[in-house]
């Protein structure tokens, strides 16, 4: 991951990718800490800390596989990025709404997430099929 040329140290592309993936994992783990604090209602401090730490450890472990899953899914579903963007905007607005004491029930949040992701995937499939139908098929030569 590090090469030396003429006494100077150069980092390879692989080094940059590993650093970026690790940084992304840490950012997502840190981002999930307030969410865990918001939903953990345990009054015993030791048990609350255990739930918070283990949930963040599992979040970091799951992010790497989720990243590769989404990488493949984004290539297959062309409108998935827009669906994910809408979900992120919704979550941000939900967090801002809690500042002014407006609570959005969990089932509504899950419904919005499923509808956005599922809708973007279905729209991608429909758009891909429509594009495939528009391509003329060449007749075989006899």
Protein backbone atom coordinates (compact mmCIF):
# COMPACT_ATOMS: atom_id res chain seq x y z
CA UNK A 1 0.00 0.00 0.00
CA UNK A 2 3.05 2.24 0.30
CA UNK A 3 5.80 2.41 -2.30
CA UNK A 4 9.08 4.27 -2.24
CA UNK A 5 10.57 5.99 -5.26
CA UNK A 6 13.79 7.97 -5.04
CA UNK A 7 13.53 7.95 -1.25
CA UNK A 8 10.02 9.45 -1.24
CA UNK A 9 6.99 7.66 0.14
CA UNK A 10 3.91 7.35 -2.12
CA UNK A 11 0.57 5.85 -1.16
CA UNK A 12 -1.25 3.58 -3.60
CA UNK A 13 -4.87 3.86 -4.66
CA UNK A 14 -5.66 0.83 -2.50
CA UNK A 15 -4.42 2.71 0.59
CA UNK A 16 -6.74 5.63 -0.18
CA UNK A 17 -9.71 3.27 -0.65
CA UNK A 18 -9.04 1.50 2.65
CA UNK A 19 -8.75 4.82 4.49
CA UNK A 20 -11.97 6.12 2.93
CA UNK A 21 -13.89 2.93 3.77
CA UNK A 22 -12.67 2.98 7.36
CA UNK A 23 -13.56 6.68 7.67
CA UNK A 24 -17.02 6.01 6.26
CA UNK A 25 -17.55 3.19 8.77
CA UNK A 26 -16.53 5.45 11.64
CA UNK A 27 -18.73 8.34 10.46
CA UNK A 28 -21.78 6.07 10.14
CA UNK A 29 -21.10 4.52 13.55
CA UNK A 30 -20.79 7.96 15.15
CA UNK A 31 -23.92 9.08 13.33
CA UNK A 32 -25.91 6.17 14.77
CA UNK A 33 -24.99 6.93 18.40
CA UNK A 34 -27.66 9.67 18.84
CA UNK A 35 -30.23 7.39 17.24
CA UNK A 36 -29.44 4.61 19.70
CA UNK A 37 -29.62 7.02 22.64
CA UNK A 38 -33.03 8.14 21.40
CA UNK A 39 -34.54 4.65 21.36
CA UNK A 40 -32.83 3.02 24.37
CA UNK A 41 -35.13 3.37 27.37
CA UNK A 42 -33.17 1.21 29.81
CA UNK A 43 -32.63 3.02 33.12
CA UNK A 44 -29.71 0.88 34.32
CA UNK A 45 -26.56 2.57 33.06
CA UNK A 46 -24.51 -0.61 32.56
CA UNK A 47 -27.16 -2.29 30.43
CA UNK A 48 -27.81 0.91 28.46
CA UNK A 49 -24.10 1.25 27.64
CA UNK A 50 -23.93 -2.41 26.59
CA UNK A 51 -26.83 -1.93 24.17
CA UNK A 52 -25.32 1.25 22.75
CA UNK A 53 -21.82 -0.19 22.24
CA UNK A 54 -22.95 -3.50 20.78
CA UNK A 55 -25.39 -1.83 18.39
CA UNK A 56 -22.62 0.41 17.09
CA UNK A 57 -20.21 -2.51 16.72
CA UNK A 58 -22.78 -4.44 14.71
CA UNK A 59 -23.54 -1.32 12.66
CA UNK A 60 -19.88 -1.01 11.68
CA UNK A 61 -19.65 -4.73 10.87
CA UNK A 62 -22.78 -4.58 8.73
CA UNK A 63 -21.83 -1.42 6.86
CA UNK A 64 -19.07 -3.07 4.87
CA UNK A 65 -21.35 -5.76 3.46
CA UNK A 66 -24.13 -3.21 2.95
CA UNK A 67 -21.75 -1.02 0.97
CA UNK A 68 -20.98 -3.81 -1.50
CA UNK A 69 -24.65 -4.77 -1.72
CA UNK A 70 -25.66 -1.20 -2.54
CA UNK A 71 -22.78 -0.88 -5.02
CA UNK A 72 -24.23 -3.77 -7.02
CA UNK A 73 -27.81 -2.60 -6.54
CA UNK A 74 -27.08 0.94 -7.75
CA UNK A 75 -25.71 -0.48 -11.00
CA UNK A 76 -28.84 -2.61 -11.48
CA UNK A 77 -31.44 -0.04 -10.35
CA UNK A 78 -30.71 3.28 -12.02
CA UNK A 79 -33.10 5.32 -9.84
CA UNK A 80 -32.04 3.81 -6.49
CA UNK A 81 -29.73 6.74 -5.73
CA UNK A 82 -32.68 9.14 -5.98
CA UNK A 83 -34.74 6.89 -3.68
CA UNK A 84 -31.93 6.82 -1.12
CA UNK A 85 -31.63 10.61 -1.37
CA UNK A 86 -35.35 11.03 -0.62
CA UNK A 87 -35.01 8.70 2.38
CA UNK A 88 -32.07 10.70 3.72
CA UNK A 89 -33.98 13.96 3.27
CA UNK A 90 -36.98 12.47 5.11
CA UNK A 91 -34.79 11.30 7.99
CA UNK A 92 -33.15 14.72 8.23
CA UNK A 93 -36.53 16.46 8.28
CA UNK A 94 -37.76 14.00 10.91
CA UNK A 95 -34.78 14.84 13.11
CA UNK A 96 -35.42 18.56 12.65
CA UNK A 97 -39.11 18.09 13.45
CA UNK A 98 -38.21 16.60 16.83
CA UNK A 99 -36.58 19.91 17.76
CA UNK A 100 -40.01 21.56 17.64
CA UNK A 101 -41.53 18.55 19.47
CA UNK A 102 -43.24 16.95 16.47
CA UNK A 103 -43.00 13.18 16.79
CA UNK A 104 -43.28 10.98 13.70
CA UNK A 105 -44.30 7.41 14.61
CA UNK A 106 -41.87 4.63 13.77
CA UNK A 107 -44.35 2.82 11.52
CA UNK A 108 -44.73 5.94 9.34
CA UNK A 109 -40.94 6.25 9.04
CA UNK A 110 -40.62 2.61 8.02
CA UNK A 111 -43.48 2.98 5.55
CA UNK A 112 -41.85 6.03 3.93
CA UNK A 113 -38.48 4.24 3.70
CA UNK A 114 -39.98 1.08 2.17
CA UNK A 115 -42.10 3.08 -0.29
CA UNK A 116 -39.18 5.26 -1.41
CA UNK A 117 -36.73 2.40 -1.88
CA UNK A 118 -39.30 -0.01 -3.32
CA UNK A 119 -40.75 2.67 -5.60
CA UNK A 120 -37.36 3.67 -6.94
CA UNK A 121 -36.51 0.02 -7.61
CA UNK A 122 -39.82 -0.65 -9.37
CA UNK A 123 -39.46 2.54 -11.41
CA UNK A 124 -35.94 1.48 -12.39
CA UNK A 125 -37.21 -1.90 -13.56
CA UNK A 126 -40.04 -0.28 -15.52
CA UNK A 127 -37.71 2.27 -17.13
CA UNK A 128 -35.18 -0.43 -18.05
CA UNK A 129 -37.88 -2.59 -19.63
CA UNK A 130 -39.21 0.40 -21.58
CA UNK A 131 -35.70 1.18 -22.87
CA UNK A 132 -35.28 -2.46 -23.89
CA UNK A 133 -38.58 -2.34 -25.82
CA UNK A 134 -37.48 0.78 -27.71
CA UNK A 135 -34.35 -0.91 -29.10
CA UNK A 136 -35.12 -2.31 -32.57
CA UNK A 137 -34.35 -5.98 -33.07
CA UNK A 138 -32.37 -6.70 -36.23
CA UNK A 139 -33.77 -9.36 -38.51
CA UNK A 140 -31.61 -12.38 -39.13
CA UNK A 141 -30.05 -12.60 -42.57
CA UNK A 142 -31.20 -15.52 -44.64
